[in-house]
C-alpha atoms as a PDB file:
ATOM      1  CA  MET A   1       0.000   0.000   0.000  1.00  0.00           C
ATOM      2  CA  ASN A   2       1.273   3.436  -0.815  1.00  0.00           C
ATOM      3  CA  HIS A   3       1.070   6.455   1.492  1.00  0.00           C
ATOM      4  CA  GLU A   4      -1.829   8.068  -0.389  1.00  0.00           C
ATOM      5  CA  HIS A   5      -3.949   4.924  -0.130  1.00  0.00           C
ATOM      6  CA  VAL A   6      -3.315   4.598   3.620  1.00  0.00           C
ATOM      7  CA  GLU A   7      -4.138   8.280   4.192  1.00  0.00           C
ATOM      8  CA  LYS A   8      -7.360   7.924   2.192  1.00  0.00           C
ATOM      9  CA  ILE A   9      -8.461   5.002   4.369  1.00  0.00           C
ATOM     10  CA  LEU A  10      -7.573   6.841   7.580  1.00  0.00           C
ATOM     11  CA  MET A  11      -9.420   9.983   6.522  1.00  0.00           C
ATOM     12  CA  LYS A  12     -12.512   7.942   5.675  1.00  0.00           C
ATOM     13  CA  TYR A  13     -12.901   7.028   9.343  1.00  0.00           C
ATOM     14  CA  VAL A  14     -11.376  10.011  11.147  1.00  0.00           C
ATOM     15  CA  ASP A  15     -14.848  11.190  12.208  1.00  0.00           C
ATOM     16  CA  ILE A  16     -15.460   7.882  14.028  1.00  0.00           C
ATOM     17  CA  VAL A  17     -11.964   7.953  15.528  1.00  0.00           C
ATOM     18  CA  SER A  18     -12.551  11.495  16.808  1.00  0.00           C
ATOM     19  CA  LEU A  19     -15.799  10.375  18.454  1.00  0.00           C
ATOM     20  CA  GLY A  20     -13.913   7.587  20.230  1.00  0.00           C
ATOM     21  CA  THR A  21     -11.155   9.975  21.276  1.00  0.00           C
ATOM     22  CA  VAL A  22     -13.665  12.331  22.905  1.00  0.00           C
ATOM     23  CA  ALA A  23     -15.736   9.478  24.390  1.00  0.00           C
ATOM     24  CA  ASP A  24     -12.600   8.076  26.035  1.00  0.00           C
ATOM     25  CA  CYS A  25     -12.013  11.521  27.625  1.00  0.00           C
ATOM     26  CA  MET A  26      -8.562  11.761  26.101  1.00  0.00           C
ATOM     27  CA  PRO A  27      -6.738  15.037  26.731  1.00  0.00           C
ATOM     28  CA  MET A  28      -7.107  17.470  23.820  1.00  0.00           C
ATOM     29  CA  ILE A  29      -3.386  17.848  23.215  1.00  0.00           C
ATOM     30  CA  ASP A  30      -0.983  16.904  20.451  1.00  0.00           C
ATOM     31  CA  GLU A  31      -2.263  14.185  18.091  1.00  0.00           C
ATOM     32  CA  ASN A  32      -5.586  13.880  19.919  1.00  0.00           C
ATOM     33  CA  ARG A  33      -6.377  17.514  19.134  1.00  0.00           C
ATOM     34  CA  THR A  34      -5.425  16.956  15.490  1.00  0.00           C
ATOM     35  CA  ILE A  35      -7.584  13.835  15.244  1.00  0.00           C
ATOM     36  CA  VAL A  36     -10.602  15.562  16.787  1.00  0.00           C
ATOM     37  CA  ARG A  37     -10.181  18.730  14.692  1.00  0.00           C
ATOM     38  CA  ARG A  38      -9.976  16.737  11.445  1.00  0.00           C
ATOM     39  CA  GLY A  39     -12.764  14.463  12.616  1.00  0.00           C
ATOM     40  CA  LEU A  40     -15.113  17.371  13.261  1.00  0.00           C
ATOM     41  CA  LEU A  41     -14.450  18.736   9.795  1.00  0.00           C
ATOM     42  CA  GLN A  42     -15.130  15.313   8.316  1.00  0.00           C
ATOM     43  CA  ALA A  43     -18.186  14.707  10.524  1.00  0.00           C
ATOM     44  CA  ASN A  44     -20.059  17.621   8.999  1.00  0.00           C
ATOM     45  CA  ALA A  45     -19.754  15.964   5.575  1.00  0.00           C
ATOM     46  CA  SER A  46     -19.822  12.385   6.853  1.00  0.00           C
ATOM     47  CA  PHE A  47     -21.676   9.491   5.299  1.00  0.00           C
ATOM     48  CA  HIS A  48     -22.147   8.018   8.794  1.00  0.00           C
ATOM     49  CA  PRO A  49     -25.789   8.594   9.836  1.00  0.00           C
ATOM     50  CA  PHE A  50     -24.920   9.363  13.470  1.00  0.00           C
ATOM     51  CA  PHE A  51     -23.319  12.667  12.599  1.00  0.00           C
ATOM     52  CA  HIS A  52     -26.238  13.790  10.421  1.00  0.00           C
ATOM     53  CA  ILE A  53     -28.711  12.999  13.201  1.00  0.00           C
ATOM     54  CA  PHE A  54     -26.573  14.603  15.889  1.00  0.00           C
ATOM     55  CA  SER A  55     -25.988  17.846  14.006  1.00  0.00           C
ATOM     56  CA  GLY A  56     -29.727  17.905  13.252  1.00  0.00           C
ATOM     57  CA  VAL A  57     -30.484  17.713  16.978  1.00  0.00           C
ATOM     58  CA  LEU A  58     -28.099  20.605  17.583  1.00  0.00           C
ATOM     59  CA  ASN A  59     -29.547  22.539  14.619  1.00  0.00           C
ATOM     60  CA  ARG A  60     -26.016  23.427  13.549  1.00  0.00           C
ATOM     61  CA  PRO A  61     -22.800  21.810  12.353  1.00  0.00           C
ATOM     62  CA  LEU A  62     -20.500  20.082  14.826  1.00  0.00           C
ATOM     63  CA  VAL A  63     -17.819  22.578  15.776  1.00  0.00           C
ATOM     64  CA  THR A  64     -16.032  21.576  18.998  1.00  0.00           C
ATOM     65  CA  GLU A  65     -15.355  18.405  20.946  1.00  0.00           C
ATOM     66  CA  ASP A  66     -18.152  19.481  23.294  1.00  0.00           C
ATOM     67  CA  ASP A  67     -20.580  18.972  20.417  1.00  0.00           C
ATOM     68  CA  ILE A  68     -19.837  15.249  20.355  1.00  0.00           C
END
């Protein structure tokens, strides 16, 4: 597998990984902050139904780790 293929796979699921990072109450520093930031960006355009339902409940896009 080349680097681009691996990155594409990782980015496909970064929204789910960010949810797990927040749910595990990981400190928002270093790579955890990067994962959650990228995950929130991805979550607003996600194909995973959870994020569509959750942002609909909030009546706005997911913006911070507090939103998930």
